[in-house]
């Protein structure tokens, strides 16, 4: 049986992308509205992106 596997690789594909990603670390002070919007997308898709960090 042939099985096709598809994976998403997350990471920078250029120096400019890497610089943008690192620069994002300089702004971690999200407003409550921004955090609520992030949570909305994280939970609407059925994935709890915070599960690992909240199981401490």
PDB file of N, CA and C in Angstrom:
ATOM      1  N   UNK A   1       0.838  -1.169   0.000  1.00  0.00           N
ATOM      2  CA  UNK A   1       0.000   0.000   0.000  1.00  0.00           C
ATOM      3  C   UNK A   1       0.890   1.241   0.000  1.00  0.00           C
ATOM      4  N   UNK A   2       0.589   2.193  -0.873  1.00  0.00           N
ATOM      5  CA  UNK A   2       1.320   3.455  -0.903  1.00  0.00           C
ATOM      6  C   UNK A   2       0.652   4.453   0.028  1.00  0.00           C
ATOM      7  N   UNK A   3       1.459   5.133   0.808  1.00  0.00           N
ATOM      8  CA  UNK A   3       0.944   6.139   1.733  1.00  0.00           C
ATOM      9  C   UNK A   3       1.700   7.435   1.491  1.00  0.00           C
ATOM     10  N   UNK A   4       0.960   8.492   1.243  1.00  0.00           N
ATOM     11  CA  UNK A   4       1.576   9.811   1.091  1.00  0.00           C
ATOM     12  C   UNK A   4       1.590  10.491   2.451  1.00  0.00           C
ATOM     13  N   UNK A   5       2.701  11.092   2.777  1.00  0.00           N
ATOM     14  CA  UNK A   5       2.836  11.807   4.046  1.00  0.00           C
ATOM     15  C   UNK A   5       3.087  13.267   3.731  1.00  0.00           C
ATOM     16  N   UNK A   6       2.370  14.118   4.406  1.00  0.00           N
ATOM     17  CA  UNK A   6       2.521  15.560   4.221  1.00  0.00           C
ATOM     18  C   UNK A   6       2.852  16.176   5.575  1.00  0.00           C
ATOM     19  N   UNK A   7       3.884  16.984   5.615  1.00  0.00           N
ATOM     20  CA  UNK A   7       4.281  17.643   6.846  1.00  0.00           C
ATOM     21  C   UNK A   7       4.510  19.111   6.586  1.00  0.00           C
ATOM     22  N   UNK A   8       4.262  19.909   7.604  1.00  0.00           N
ATOM     23  CA  UNK A   8       4.587  21.328   7.540  1.00  0.00           C
ATOM     24  C   UNK A   8       5.888  21.545   8.303  1.00  0.00           C
ATOM     25  N   UNK A   9       6.832  22.163   7.666  1.00  0.00           N
ATOM     26  CA  UNK A   9       8.089  22.496   8.322  1.00  0.00           C
ATOM     27  C   UNK A   9       8.056  23.972   8.672  1.00  0.00           C
ATOM     28  N   UNK A  10       8.227  24.239   9.941  1.00  0.00           N
ATOM     29  CA  UNK A  10       8.157  25.621  10.402  1.00  0.00           C
ATOM     30  C   UNK A  10       9.572  26.140  10.588  1.00  0.00           C
ATOM     31  N   UNK A  11       9.834  27.283  10.009  1.00  0.00           N
ATOM     32  CA  UNK A  11      11.155  27.880  10.160  1.00  0.00           C
ATOM     33  C   UNK A  11      11.359  28.956   9.115  1.00  0.00           C
ATOM     34  N   UNK A  12      12.469  29.603   9.206  1.00  0.00           N
ATOM     35  CA  UNK A  12      12.782  30.676   8.268  1.00  0.00           C
ATOM     36  C   UNK A  12      13.374  30.088   6.988  1.00  0.00           C
ATOM     37  N   UNK A  13      12.957  30.640   5.866  1.00  0.00           N
ATOM     38  CA  UNK A  13      13.510  30.184   4.593  1.00  0.00           C
ATOM     39  C   UNK A  13      14.437  31.228   3.987  1.00  0.00           C
ATOM     40  N   UNK A  14      14.660  32.318   4.726  1.00  0.00           N
ATOM     41  CA  UNK A  14      15.600  33.340   4.265  1.00  0.00           C
ATOM     42  C   UNK A  14      16.130  34.098   5.481  1.00  0.00           C
ATOM     43  N   UNK A  15      17.205  34.816   5.272  1.00  0.00           N
ATOM     44  CA  UNK A  15      17.780  35.623   6.351  1.00  0.00           C
ATOM     45  C   UNK A  15      16.783  36.699   6.776  1.00  0.00           C
ATOM     46  N   UNK A  16      16.080  37.279   5.816  1.00  0.00           N
ATOM     47  CA  UNK A  16      15.100  38.325   6.136  1.00  0.00           C
ATOM     48  C   UNK A  16      13.992  37.776   7.020  1.00  0.00           C
ATOM     49  N   UNK A  17      13.533  36.570   6.722  1.00  0.00           N
ATOM     50  CA  UNK A  17      12.499  35.951   7.558  1.00  0.00           C
ATOM     51  C   UNK A  17      13.020  35.692   8.965  1.00  0.00           C
ATOM     52  N   UNK A  18      14.233  35.225   9.073  1.00  0.00           N
ATOM     53  CA  UNK A  18      14.841  34.977  10.374  1.00  0.00           C
ATOM     54  C   UNK A  18      14.951  36.276  11.165  1.00  0.00           C
ATOM     55  N   UNK A  19      15.363  37.335  10.512  1.00  0.00           N
ATOM     56  CA  UNK A  19      15.465  38.641  11.174  1.00  0.00           C
ATOM     57  C   UNK A  19      14.104  39.125  11.653  1.00  0.00           C
ATOM     58  N   UNK A  20      13.062  38.936  10.844  1.00  0.00           N
ATOM     59  CA  UNK A  20      11.707  39.307  11.246  1.00  0.00           C
ATOM     60  C   UNK A  20      11.257  38.502  12.465  1.00  0.00           C
ATOM     61  N   UNK A  21      11.552  37.207  12.453  1.00  0.00           N
ATOM     62  CA  UNK A  21      11.158  36.349  13.571  1.00  0.00           C
ATOM     63  C   UNK A  21      11.864  36.756  14.857  1.00  0.00           C
ATOM     64  N   UNK A  22      13.143  37.052  14.775  1.00  0.00           N
ATOM     65  CA  UNK A  22      13.897  37.469  15.958  1.00  0.00           C
ATOM     66  C   UNK A  22      13.404  38.832  16.433  1.00  0.00           C
ATOM     67  N   UNK A  23      13.109  39.734  15.506  1.00  0.00           N
ATOM     68  CA  UNK A  23      12.614  41.060  15.874  1.00  0.00           C
ATOM     69  C   UNK A  23      11.279  40.975  16.611  1.00  0.00           C
ATOM     70  N   UNK A  24      10.497  39.948  16.317  1.00  0.00           N
ATOM     71  CA  UNK A  24       9.208  39.779  16.992  1.00  0.00           C
ATOM     72  C   UNK A  24       9.387  39.554  18.485  1.00  0.00           C
ATOM     73  N   UNK A  25      10.538  39.057  18.891  1.00  0.00           N
ATOM     74  CA  UNK A  25      10.806  38.830  20.308  1.00  0.00           C
ATOM     75  C   UNK A  25      10.916  40.133  21.091  1.00  0.00           C
ATOM     76  N   UNK A  26      11.103  41.238  20.378  1.00  0.00           N
ATOM     77  CA  UNK A  26      11.209  42.536  21.034  1.00  0.00           C
ATOM     78  C   UNK A  26       9.847  43.098  21.426  1.00  0.00           C
ATOM     79  N   UNK A  27       8.770  42.471  20.979  1.00  0.00           N
ATOM     80  CA  UNK A  27       7.431  42.954  21.316  1.00  0.00           C
ATOM     81  C   UNK A  27       6.586  41.788  21.810  1.00  0.00           C
ATOM     82  N   UNK A  28       6.677  41.517  23.089  1.00  0.00           N
ATOM     83  CA  UNK A  28       5.927  40.419  23.680  1.00  0.00           C
ATOM     84  C   UNK A  28       4.807  40.923  24.597  1.00  0.00           C
ATOM     85  N   UNK A  29       4.620  42.217  24.635  1.00  0.00           N
ATOM     86  CA  UNK A  29       3.606  42.813  25.508  1.00  0.00           C
ATOM     87  C   UNK A  29       2.274  42.974  24.764  1.00  0.00           C
ATOM     88  N   UNK A  30       1.561  41.862  24.595  1.00  0.00           N
ATOM     89  CA  UNK A  30       0.290  41.879  23.888  1.00  0.00           C
ATOM     90  C   UNK A  30      -0.809  42.479  24.756  1.00  0.00           C
ATOM     91  N   UNK A  31      -1.728  43.163  24.116  1.00  0.00           N
ATOM     92  CA  UNK A  31      -2.893  43.673  24.840  1.00  0.00           C
ATOM     93  C   UNK A  31      -3.854  42.513  25.108  1.00  0.00           C
ATOM     94  N   UNK A  32      -4.801  42.725  25.999  1.00  0.00           N
ATOM     95  CA  UNK A  32      -5.799  41.696  26.282  1.00  0.00           C
ATOM     96  C   UNK A  32      -6.606  41.374  25.018  1.00  0.00           C
ATOM     97  N   UNK A  33      -6.868  42.383  24.190  1.00  0.00           N
ATOM     98  CA  UNK A  33      -7.614  42.169  22.950  1.00  0.00           C
ATOM     99  C   UNK A  33      -6.820  41.293  21.979  1.00  0.00           C
ATOM    100  N   UNK A  34      -5.518  41.546  21.873  1.00  0.00           N
ATOM    101  CA  UNK A  34      -4.682  40.737  20.989  1.00  0.00           C
ATOM    102  C   UNK A  34      -4.614  39.287  21.478  1.00  0.00           C
ATOM    103  N   UNK A  35      -4.462  39.103  22.786  1.00  0.00           N
ATOM    104  CA  UNK A  35      -4.421  37.752  23.339  1.00  0.00           C
ATOM    105  C   UNK A  35      -5.743  37.026  23.120  1.00  0.00           C
ATOM    106  N   UNK A  36      -6.856  37.743  23.251  1.00  0.00           N
ATOM    107  CA  UNK A  36      -8.170  37.133  23.023  1.00  0.00           C
ATOM    108  C   UNK A  36      -8.306  36.693  21.563  1.00  0.00           C
ATOM    109  N   UNK A  37      -7.803  37.490  20.647  1.00  0.00           N
ATOM    110  CA  UNK A  37      -7.862  37.140  19.217  1.00  0.00           C
ATOM    111  C   UNK A  37      -6.997  35.910  18.923  1.00  0.00           C
ATOM    112  N   UNK A  38      -5.822  35.849  19.521  1.00  0.00           N
ATOM    113  CA  UNK A  38      -4.955  34.666  19.363  1.00  0.00           C
ATOM    114  C   UNK A  38      -5.677  33.438  19.898  1.00  0.00           C
ATOM    115  N   UNK A  39      -6.259  33.558  21.086  1.00  0.00           N
ATOM    116  CA  UNK A  39      -6.986  32.438  21.691  1.00  0.00           C
ATOM    117  C   UNK A  39      -8.154  31.991  20.820  1.00  0.00           C
ATOM    118  N   UNK A  40      -8.844  32.954  20.200  1.00  0.00           N
ATOM    119  CA  UNK A  40      -9.991  32.611  19.359  1.00  0.00           C
ATOM    120  C   UNK A  40      -9.569  31.695  18.217  1.00  0.00           C
ATOM    121  N   UNK A  41      -8.488  32.032  17.554  1.00  0.00           N
ATOM    122  CA  UNK A  41      -8.015  31.196  16.447  1.00  0.00           C
ATOM    123  C   UNK A  41      -7.441  29.876  16.948  1.00  0.00           C
ATOM    124  N   UNK A  42      -6.786  29.899  18.084  1.00  0.00           N
ATOM    125  CA  UNK A  42      -6.187  28.673  18.616  1.00  0.00           C
ATOM    126  C   UNK A  42      -7.250  27.668  19.011  1.00  0.00           C
ATOM    127  N   UNK A  43      -8.362  28.125  19.556  1.00  0.00           N
ATOM    128  CA  UNK A  43      -9.377  27.189  20.022  1.00  0.00           C
ATOM    129  C   UNK A  43     -10.424  26.884  18.951  1.00  0.00           C
ATOM    130  N   UNK A  44     -10.677  27.799  18.013  1.00  0.00           N
ATOM    131  CA  UNK A  44     -11.647  27.535  16.950  1.00  0.00           C
ATOM    132  C   UNK A  44     -11.199  26.386  16.058  1.00  0.00           C
ATOM    133  N   UNK A  45      -9.902  26.200  15.933  1.00  0.00           N
ATOM    134  CA  UNK A  45      -9.405  25.128  15.079  1.00  0.00           C
ATOM    135  C   UNK A  45      -9.348  23.795  15.815  1.00  0.00           C
ATOM    136  N   UNK A  46      -9.706  23.799  17.106  1.00  0.00           N
ATOM    137  CA  UNK A  46      -9.691  22.562  17.882  1.00  0.00           C
ATOM    138  C   UNK A  46      -8.325  22.220  18.444  1.00  0.00           C
ATOM    139  N   UNK A  47      -7.391  23.152  18.340  1.00  0.00           N
ATOM    140  CA  UNK A  47      -6.039  22.928  18.850  1.00  0.00           C
ATOM    141  C   UNK A  47      -5.784  23.914  19.983  1.00  0.00           C
ATOM    142  N   UNK A  48      -5.385  23.396  21.131  1.00  0.00           N
ATOM    143  CA  UNK A  48      -5.028  24.259  22.242  1.00  0.00           C
ATOM    144  C   UNK A  48      -3.529  24.485  22.213  1.00  0.00           C
ATOM    145  N   UNK A  49      -3.102  25.616  21.616  1.00  0.00           N
ATOM    146  CA  UNK A  49      -1.669  25.873  21.490  1.00  0.00           C
ATOM    147  C   UNK A  49      -1.032  26.176  22.834  1.00  0.00           C
ATOM    148  N   UNK A  50      -1.843  26.418  23.847  1.00  0.00           N
ATOM    149  CA  UNK A  50      -1.305  26.771  25.161  1.00  0.00           C
ATOM    150  C   UNK A  50      -1.230  25.532  26.087  1.00  0.00           C
ATOM    151  N   UNK A  51      -1.673  24.374  25.659  1.00  0.00           N
ATOM    152  CA  UNK A  51      -1.738  23.204  26.529  1.00  0.00           C
ATOM    153  C   UNK A  51      -0.390  22.860  27.165  1.00  0.00           C
ATOM    154  N   UNK A  52       0.648  22.860  26.374  1.00  0.00           N
ATOM    155  CA  UNK A  52       1.964  22.505  26.898  1.00  0.00           C
ATOM    156  C   UNK A  52       2.450  23.460  27.961  1.00  0.00           C
ATOM    157  N   UNK A  53       2.282  24.754  27.748  1.00  0.00           N
ATOM    158  CA  UNK A  53       2.795  25.740  28.699  1.00  0.00           C
ATOM    159  C   UNK A  53       1.885  25.874  29.918  1.00  0.00           C
ATOM    160  N   UNK A  54       0.625  25.461  29.799  1.00  0.00           N
ATOM    161  CA  UNK A  54      -0.277  25.596  30.949  1.00  0.00           C
ATOM    162  C   UNK A  54      -0.285  24.352  31.833  1.00  0.00           C
ATOM    163  N   UNK A  55       0.382  23.292  31.372  1.00  0.00           N
ATOM    164  CA  UNK A  55       0.476  22.073  32.170  1.00  0.00           C
ATOM    165  C   UNK A  55       1.790  22.079  32.936  1.00  0.00           C
ATOM    166  N   UNK A  56       1.980  23.026  33.785  1.00  0.00           N
ATOM    167  CA  UNK A  56       3.267  23.192  34.402  1.00  0.00           C
ATOM    168  C   UNK A  56       3.426  22.665  35.705  1.00  0.00           C
TER     169      UNK A  56
END
